[in-house]
Amino acid sequence: MSNWTDRIVGDRMAVDREFNERVLDSEFSNQEWGLIMTAVEFEIEHADDPDRARIVADTESLPQMLPELEKVQQGMGPGGPGAQGSRDSGTGVLDAIRGALGMGGGDDAERLDAAERLVDEYADALQRRLEAEGKWDEVRESYER
């Protein structure tokens, strides 16, 4: 199945460039988006059925990426990278206690949902490009092998 991804490297790069504007309009920085994409695998669902086949994102690893996104976000506070890290807001311990009690995590769930939605948009854009370039059937068939 990995052979199919080798066939679309150039298309991925083109979609990355085209999708950059969408990322800029999102709540994620380019660096955060890069981390998100490292946690995502793309698959073709129903590859054997040309009418139902579509690219989908496996986002199972995204929850493990959230702490890394938090680190990136903290490093981008006022004053540039690392500025916030030198000032402790004092909420870290409280956040840890809330999390342990199951009282926190609302922001994490919202960011996870936002990341999943953006990744799904990317998968749709990638499939549209492959279809527009006349490559979709070839890619879909190579996924089946």
N, C-alpha and C. Protein backbone atom coordinates (compact mmCIF):
# COMPACT_ATOMS: atom_id res chain seq x y z
N MET A 1 0.81 -1.21 0.00
CA MET A 1 0.00 0.00 0.00
C MET A 1 0.85 1.27 0.00
N SER A 2 2.10 1.20 0.43
CA SER A 2 2.91 2.42 0.47
C SER A 2 3.27 2.91 -0.91
N ASN A 3 3.25 2.02 -1.92
CA ASN A 3 3.60 2.41 -3.27
C ASN A 3 2.69 3.52 -3.78
N TRP A 4 1.45 3.51 -3.39
CA TRP A 4 0.52 4.54 -3.87
C TRP A 4 0.94 5.92 -3.39
N THR A 5 1.49 6.03 -2.20
CA THR A 5 1.91 7.34 -1.70
C THR A 5 3.14 7.83 -2.44
N ASP A 6 3.99 6.91 -2.90
CA ASP A 6 5.16 7.30 -3.70
C ASP A 6 4.72 7.95 -5.01
N ARG A 7 3.60 7.51 -5.53
CA ARG A 7 3.10 8.02 -6.82
C ARG A 7 2.54 9.43 -6.72
N ILE A 8 2.24 9.89 -5.51
CA ILE A 8 1.56 11.19 -5.37
C ILE A 8 2.40 12.24 -4.66
N VAL A 9 3.69 12.03 -4.55
CA VAL A 9 4.55 12.98 -3.84
C VAL A 9 4.44 14.38 -4.44
N GLY A 10 4.53 14.47 -5.75
CA GLY A 10 4.43 15.78 -6.41
C GLY A 10 3.07 16.42 -6.20
N ASP A 11 2.03 15.60 -6.23
CA ASP A 11 0.68 16.11 -6.00
C ASP A 11 0.51 16.59 -4.56
N ARG A 12 1.10 15.86 -3.63
CA ARG A 12 1.05 16.30 -2.23
C ARG A 12 1.73 17.67 -2.07
N MET A 13 2.88 17.83 -2.73
CA MET A 13 3.59 19.10 -2.64
C MET A 13 2.75 20.24 -3.23
N ALA A 14 2.07 19.98 -4.34
CA ALA A 14 1.22 21.00 -4.95
C ALA A 14 0.04 21.34 -4.03
N VAL A 15 -0.57 20.32 -3.44
CA VAL A 15 -1.68 20.56 -2.52
C VAL A 15 -1.19 21.30 -1.28
N ASP A 16 0.01 20.96 -0.81
CA ASP A 16 0.58 21.68 0.34
C ASP A 16 0.65 23.17 0.04
N ARG A 17 1.15 23.52 -1.14
CA ARG A 17 1.26 24.94 -1.51
C ARG A 17 -0.11 25.59 -1.60
N GLU A 18 -1.04 24.90 -2.26
CA GLU A 18 -2.39 25.44 -2.42
C GLU A 18 -3.12 25.54 -1.08
N PHE A 19 -2.87 24.61 -0.20
CA PHE A 19 -3.57 24.52 1.08
C PHE A 19 -2.99 25.49 2.12
N ASN A 20 -1.83 26.04 1.84
CA ASN A 20 -1.18 26.93 2.79
C ASN A 20 -2.07 28.09 3.21
N GLU A 21 -2.83 28.65 2.29
CA GLU A 21 -3.74 29.76 2.62
C GLU A 21 -4.79 29.31 3.63
N ARG A 22 -5.29 28.10 3.45
CA ARG A 22 -6.29 27.56 4.38
C ARG A 22 -5.68 27.37 5.77
N VAL A 23 -4.45 26.92 5.82
CA VAL A 23 -3.77 26.75 7.11
C VAL A 23 -3.60 28.11 7.78
N LEU A 24 -3.20 29.12 7.01
CA LEU A 24 -3.02 30.46 7.57
C LEU A 24 -4.33 31.01 8.15
N ASP A 25 -5.46 30.63 7.55
CA ASP A 25 -6.77 31.07 8.04
C ASP A 25 -7.27 30.24 9.21
N SER A 26 -6.57 29.16 9.53
CA SER A 26 -6.99 28.27 10.62
C SER A 26 -6.40 28.74 11.94
N GLU A 27 -6.67 28.01 12.98
CA GLU A 27 -6.13 28.33 14.30
C GLU A 27 -4.72 27.79 14.50
N PHE A 28 -4.19 27.10 13.48
CA PHE A 28 -2.88 26.48 13.60
C PHE A 28 -1.81 27.27 12.85
N SER A 29 -0.64 27.31 13.43
CA SER A 29 0.50 27.92 12.74
C SER A 29 1.03 26.91 11.72
N ASN A 30 1.91 27.36 10.84
CA ASN A 30 2.52 26.44 9.88
C ASN A 30 3.30 25.34 10.60
N GLN A 31 3.98 25.70 11.69
CA GLN A 31 4.74 24.71 12.44
C GLN A 31 3.81 23.68 13.08
N GLU A 32 2.70 24.14 13.63
CA GLU A 32 1.73 23.21 14.22
C GLU A 32 1.14 22.30 13.14
N TRP A 33 0.83 22.87 11.98
CA TRP A 33 0.28 22.08 10.89
C TRP A 33 1.27 21.00 10.46
N GLY A 34 2.54 21.35 10.41
CA GLY A 34 3.56 20.37 10.07
C GLY A 34 3.57 19.21 11.05
N LEU A 35 3.44 19.51 12.33
CA LEU A 35 3.38 18.45 13.35
C LEU A 35 2.13 17.60 13.18
N ILE A 36 1.03 18.25 12.90
CA ILE A 36 -0.23 17.52 12.71
C ILE A 36 -0.07 16.53 11.56
N MET A 37 0.51 17.01 10.47
CA MET A 37 0.63 16.15 9.29
C MET A 37 1.58 14.98 9.53
N THR A 38 2.54 15.12 10.45
CA THR A 38 3.42 13.98 10.74
C THR A 38 2.67 12.88 11.49
N ALA A 39 1.55 13.23 12.11
CA ALA A 39 0.79 12.26 12.89
C ALA A 39 -0.35 11.63 12.08
N VAL A 40 -0.43 11.96 10.80
CA VAL A 40 -1.55 11.52 9.97
C VAL A 40 -1.06 10.58 8.87
N GLU A 41 -1.80 9.52 8.66
CA GLU A 41 -1.57 8.61 7.54
C GLU A 41 -2.80 8.69 6.64
N PHE A 42 -2.58 8.66 5.35
CA PHE A 42 -3.70 8.68 4.40
C PHE A 42 -3.93 7.28 3.85
N GLU A 43 -5.19 6.96 3.69
CA GLU A 43 -5.61 5.66 3.16
C GLU A 43 -6.68 5.92 2.10
N ILE A 44 -6.96 4.92 1.32
CA ILE A 44 -8.06 5.01 0.36
C ILE A 44 -9.13 4.03 0.80
N GLU A 45 -10.24 4.59 1.19
CA GLU A 45 -11.39 3.80 1.64
C GLU A 45 -12.17 3.32 0.41
N HIS A 46 -12.57 2.07 0.41
CA HIS A 46 -13.33 1.46 -0.70
C HIS A 46 -12.57 1.56 -2.02
N ALA A 47 -11.29 1.31 -1.98
CA ALA A 47 -10.44 1.45 -3.18
C ALA A 47 -10.92 0.57 -4.33
N ASP A 48 -11.58 -0.53 -4.02
CA ASP A 48 -12.04 -1.45 -5.07
C ASP A 48 -13.33 -0.99 -5.74
N ASP A 49 -13.94 0.06 -5.25
CA ASP A 49 -15.20 0.56 -5.82
C ASP A 49 -14.99 1.99 -6.34
N PRO A 50 -14.85 2.16 -7.64
CA PRO A 50 -14.56 3.49 -8.20
C PRO A 50 -15.57 4.57 -7.79
N ASP A 51 -16.82 4.18 -7.55
CA ASP A 51 -17.85 5.16 -7.20
C ASP A 51 -17.78 5.59 -5.73
N ARG A 52 -17.26 4.73 -4.89
CA ARG A 52 -17.23 5.04 -3.45
C ARG A 52 -15.83 5.35 -2.93
N ALA A 53 -14.81 5.08 -3.71
CA ALA A 53 -13.43 5.26 -3.25
C ALA A 53 -13.16 6.71 -2.90
N ARG A 54 -12.45 6.90 -1.80
CA ARG A 54 -12.06 8.25 -1.42
C ARG A 54 -10.88 8.20 -0.46
N ILE A 55 -10.10 9.28 -0.49
CA ILE A 55 -8.95 9.39 0.41
C ILE A 55 -9.47 9.80 1.78
N VAL A 56 -9.03 9.08 2.80
CA VAL A 56 -9.40 9.41 4.17
C VAL A 56 -8.12 9.50 5.01
N ALA A 57 -8.22 10.27 6.05
CA ALA A 57 -7.08 10.45 6.95
C ALA A 57 -7.24 9.58 8.18
N ASP A 58 -6.19 8.85 8.50
CA ASP A 58 -6.15 8.10 9.75
C ASP A 58 -5.55 9.03 10.78
N THR A 59 -6.38 9.55 11.66
CA THR A 59 -5.95 10.53 12.65
C THR A 59 -5.79 9.92 14.04
N GLU A 60 -5.67 8.63 14.11
CA GLU A 60 -5.56 7.93 15.38
C GLU A 60 -4.42 8.44 16.26
N SER A 61 -3.34 8.88 15.65
CA SER A 61 -2.16 9.34 16.40
C SER A 61 -2.23 10.82 16.79
N LEU A 62 -3.23 11.54 16.33
CA LEU A 62 -3.31 12.97 16.64
C LEU A 62 -3.38 13.28 18.14
N PRO A 63 -4.14 12.53 18.94
CA PRO A 63 -4.19 12.88 20.36
C PRO A 63 -2.81 12.88 21.04
N GLN A 64 -1.92 12.00 20.60
CA GLN A 64 -0.58 11.97 21.18
C GLN A 64 0.24 13.19 20.74
N MET A 65 -0.19 13.86 19.69
CA MET A 65 0.53 15.03 19.17
C MET A 65 0.13 16.31 19.91
N LEU A 66 -1.00 16.31 20.59
CA LEU A 66 -1.49 17.53 21.24
C LEU A 66 -0.48 18.16 22.20
N PRO A 67 0.22 17.39 23.03
CA PRO A 67 1.22 18.03 23.90
C PRO A 67 2.32 18.75 23.11
N GLU A 68 2.69 18.21 21.97
CA GLU A 68 3.69 18.86 21.13
C GLU A 68 3.15 20.16 20.55
N LEU A 69 1.87 20.16 20.17
CA LEU A 69 1.25 21.38 19.67
C LEU A 69 1.24 22.45 20.75
N GLU A 70 0.99 22.02 21.97
CA GLU A 70 0.99 22.95 23.11
C GLU A 70 2.37 23.58 23.28
N LYS A 71 3.41 22.77 23.14
CA LYS A 71 4.79 23.29 23.27
C LYS A 71 5.08 24.32 22.18
N VAL A 72 4.64 24.04 20.97
CA VAL A 72 4.85 24.98 19.87
C VAL A 72 4.11 26.27 20.17
N GLN A 73 2.88 26.15 20.63
CA GLN A 73 2.05 27.32 20.91
C GLN A 73 2.67 28.16 22.04
N GLN A 74 3.19 27.51 23.07
CA GLN A 74 3.82 28.24 24.17
C GLN A 74 5.06 28.97 23.70
N GLY A 75 5.80 28.38 22.78
CA GLY A 75 7.01 28.99 22.28
C GLY A 75 6.76 30.16 21.36
N MET A 76 5.49 30.37 20.95
CA MET A 76 5.17 31.44 20.03
C MET A 76 4.41 32.57 20.71
N GLY A 77 4.49 32.66 22.01
CA GLY A 77 3.78 33.70 22.74
C GLY A 77 4.37 35.08 22.49
N PRO A 78 3.85 36.10 23.17
CA PRO A 78 4.37 37.45 23.01
C PRO A 78 5.87 37.50 23.27
N GLY A 79 6.57 38.18 22.44
CA GLY A 79 8.01 38.30 22.61
C GLY A 79 8.79 37.29 21.81
N GLY A 80 8.09 36.42 21.06
CA GLY A 80 8.79 35.48 20.19
C GLY A 80 8.93 34.12 20.81
N PRO A 81 9.57 33.23 20.09
CA PRO A 81 9.73 31.86 20.57
C PRO A 81 10.45 31.80 21.91
N GLY A 82 9.89 31.03 22.81
CA GLY A 82 10.51 30.83 24.11
C GLY A 82 10.19 31.88 25.15
N ALA A 83 9.58 32.99 24.76
CA ALA A 83 9.33 34.07 25.71
C ALA A 83 8.35 33.64 26.79
N GLN A 84 7.31 32.92 26.41
CA GLN A 84 6.34 32.49 27.40
C GLN A 84 6.90 31.43 28.32
N GLY A 85 7.81 30.65 27.80
CA GLY A 85 8.38 29.58 28.61
C GLY A 85 9.09 30.11 29.84
N SER A 86 9.57 31.33 29.80
CA SER A 86 10.29 31.87 30.95
C SER A 86 9.34 32.45 31.99
N ARG A 87 8.08 32.64 31.61
CA ARG A 87 7.09 33.14 32.55
C ARG A 87 6.07 32.06 32.82
N ASP A 88 6.00 31.58 34.03
CA ASP A 88 5.03 30.55 34.38
C ASP A 88 3.77 31.24 34.84
N SER A 89 2.65 30.91 34.22
CA SER A 89 1.38 31.53 34.59
C SER A 89 0.86 30.97 35.90
N GLY A 90 1.46 29.89 36.37
CA GLY A 90 1.01 29.32 37.62
C GLY A 90 -0.16 28.37 37.45
N THR A 91 -0.62 28.19 36.25
CA THR A 91 -1.78 27.33 36.05
C THR A 91 -1.39 25.90 35.72
N GLY A 92 -0.15 25.63 35.48
CA GLY A 92 0.27 24.28 35.09
C GLY A 92 -0.14 23.23 36.10
N VAL A 93 0.09 23.49 37.37
CA VAL A 93 -0.28 22.54 38.42
C VAL A 93 -1.80 22.39 38.48
N LEU A 94 -2.51 23.51 38.40
CA LEU A 94 -3.97 23.44 38.44
C LEU A 94 -4.51 22.69 37.23
N ASP A 95 -3.94 22.95 36.07
CA ASP A 95 -4.37 22.22 34.88
C ASP A 95 -4.13 20.73 35.03
N ALA A 96 -3.00 20.35 35.60
CA ALA A 96 -2.68 18.94 35.79
C ALA A 96 -3.68 18.30 36.74
N ILE A 97 -4.04 19.00 37.81
CA ILE A 97 -5.01 18.48 38.78
C ILE A 97 -6.38 18.35 38.12
N ARG A 98 -6.79 19.40 37.38
CA ARG A 98 -8.09 19.33 36.68
C ARG A 98 -8.11 18.15 35.71
N GLY A 99 -7.02 17.97 34.98
CA GLY A 99 -6.94 16.86 34.02
C GLY A 99 -7.04 15.52 34.71
N ALA A 100 -6.34 15.38 35.85
CA ALA A 100 -6.37 14.12 36.59
C ALA A 100 -7.77 13.81 37.11
N LEU A 101 -8.52 14.86 37.41
CA LEU A 101 -9.88 14.68 37.90
C LEU A 101 -10.91 14.61 36.77
N GLY A 102 -10.42 14.72 35.53
CA GLY A 102 -11.33 14.66 34.39
C GLY A 102 -12.11 15.94 34.20
N MET A 103 -11.60 17.04 34.75
CA MET A 103 -12.33 18.31 34.67
C MET A 103 -11.78 19.24 33.59
N GLY A 104 -10.72 18.87 32.96
CA GLY A 104 -10.14 19.74 31.94
C GLY A 104 -10.23 19.10 30.58
N GLY A 105 -9.40 19.57 29.68
CA GLY A 105 -9.29 18.94 28.38
C GLY A 105 -10.26 19.45 27.34
N GLY A 106 -11.13 20.40 27.68
CA GLY A 106 -12.06 20.94 26.70
C GLY A 106 -11.32 21.57 25.54
N ASP A 107 -10.26 22.31 25.85
CA ASP A 107 -9.48 22.94 24.80
C ASP A 107 -8.81 21.89 23.92
N ASP A 108 -8.30 20.82 24.54
CA ASP A 108 -7.66 19.76 23.77
C ASP A 108 -8.66 19.11 22.82
N ALA A 109 -9.86 18.86 23.30
CA ALA A 109 -10.88 18.24 22.45
C ALA A 109 -11.24 19.15 21.29
N GLU A 110 -11.33 20.45 21.55
CA GLU A 110 -11.64 21.40 20.49
C GLU A 110 -10.52 21.48 19.47
N ARG A 111 -9.28 21.49 19.94
CA ARG A 111 -8.13 21.55 19.02
C ARG A 111 -8.03 20.26 18.21
N LEU A 112 -8.31 19.14 18.85
CA LEU A 112 -8.29 17.86 18.15
C LEU A 112 -9.35 17.85 17.06
N ASP A 113 -10.56 18.31 17.38
CA ASP A 113 -11.62 18.37 16.37
C ASP A 113 -11.23 19.30 15.22
N ALA A 114 -10.65 20.44 15.55
CA ALA A 114 -10.23 21.39 14.51
C ALA A 114 -9.15 20.78 13.62
N ALA A 115 -8.21 20.08 14.23
CA ALA A 115 -7.14 19.45 13.45
C ALA A 115 -7.72 18.36 12.55
N GLU A 116 -8.63 17.56 13.06
CA GLU A 116 -9.24 16.50 12.26
C GLU A 116 -10.02 17.08 11.09
N ARG A 117 -10.75 18.17 11.33
CA ARG A 117 -11.51 18.80 10.24
C ARG A 117 -10.57 19.33 9.17
N LEU A 118 -9.48 19.96 9.59
CA LEU A 118 -8.52 20.52 8.63
C LEU A 118 -7.84 19.40 7.82
N VAL A 119 -7.49 18.32 8.48
CA VAL A 119 -6.87 17.18 7.80
C VAL A 119 -7.86 16.58 6.80
N ASP A 120 -9.14 16.50 7.17
CA ASP A 120 -10.15 15.98 6.24
C ASP A 120 -10.27 16.89 5.02
N GLU A 121 -10.21 18.20 5.23
CA GLU A 121 -10.24 19.14 4.11
C GLU A 121 -9.04 18.91 3.19
N TYR A 122 -7.88 18.66 3.80
CA TYR A 122 -6.68 18.40 3.02
C TYR A 122 -6.85 17.13 2.19
N ALA A 123 -7.38 16.08 2.79
CA ALA A 123 -7.59 14.82 2.07
C ALA A 123 -8.54 15.04 0.89
N ASP A 124 -9.58 15.83 1.09
CA ASP A 124 -10.51 16.14 0.00
C ASP A 124 -9.80 16.92 -1.11
N ALA A 125 -8.98 17.88 -0.72
CA ALA A 125 -8.24 18.68 -1.71
C ALA A 125 -7.28 17.80 -2.50
N LEU A 126 -6.64 16.86 -1.82
CA LEU A 126 -5.71 15.95 -2.49
C LEU A 126 -6.46 15.08 -3.50
N GLN A 127 -7.60 14.55 -3.11
CA GLN A 127 -8.36 13.71 -4.03
C GLN A 127 -8.85 14.54 -5.21
N ARG A 128 -9.34 15.74 -4.97
CA ARG A 128 -9.79 16.60 -6.07
C ARG A 128 -8.65 16.84 -7.07
N ARG A 129 -7.44 17.08 -6.55
CA ARG A 129 -6.30 17.30 -7.44
C ARG A 129 -6.02 16.05 -8.27
N LEU A 130 -5.99 14.90 -7.63
CA LEU A 130 -5.71 13.66 -8.35
C LEU A 130 -6.76 13.41 -9.43
N GLU A 131 -8.01 13.70 -9.12
CA GLU A 131 -9.08 13.54 -10.11
C GLU A 131 -8.90 14.53 -11.25
N ALA A 132 -8.59 15.78 -10.92
CA ALA A 132 -8.42 16.82 -11.95
C ALA A 132 -7.23 16.53 -12.86
N GLU A 133 -6.21 15.91 -12.30
CA GLU A 133 -5.01 15.58 -13.08
C GLU A 133 -5.15 14.25 -13.82
N GLY A 134 -6.29 13.57 -13.64
CA GLY A 134 -6.50 12.29 -14.30
C GLY A 134 -5.70 11.15 -13.71
N LYS A 135 -5.29 11.27 -12.46
CA LYS A 135 -4.45 10.26 -11.82
C LYS A 135 -5.20 9.39 -10.81
N TRP A 136 -6.43 9.76 -10.50
CA TRP A 136 -7.14 9.12 -9.41
C TRP A 136 -7.29 7.61 -9.60
N ASP A 137 -7.74 7.17 -10.77
CA ASP A 137 -7.96 5.73 -10.98
C ASP A 137 -6.65 4.96 -10.84
N GLU A 138 -5.57 5.50 -11.39
CA GLU A 138 -4.27 4.82 -11.29
C GLU A 138 -3.81 4.72 -9.83
N VAL A 139 -4.00 5.80 -9.09
CA VAL A 139 -3.59 5.80 -7.68
C VAL A 139 -4.45 4.84 -6.87
N ARG A 140 -5.75 4.88 -7.12
CA ARG A 140 -6.69 4.01 -6.42
C ARG A 140 -6.36 2.54 -6.69
N GLU A 141 -6.07 2.22 -7.92
CA GLU A 141 -5.74 0.84 -8.28
C GLU A 141 -4.40 0.41 -7.68
N SER A 142 -3.45 1.31 -7.61
CA SER A 142 -2.15 0.95 -7.02
C SER A 142 -2.28 0.75 -5.51
N TYR A 143 -3.25 1.38 -4.88
CA TYR A 143 -3.51 1.18 -3.45
C TYR A 143 -3.99 -0.25 -3.21
N GLU A 144 -4.77 -0.78 -4.11
CA GLU A 144 -5.32 -2.13 -3.95
C GLU A 144 -4.26 -3.21 -4.01
N ARG A 145 -3.17 -2.95 -4.71
CA ARG A 145 -2.13 -3.97 -4.90
C ARG A 145 -1.33 -4.22 -3.67
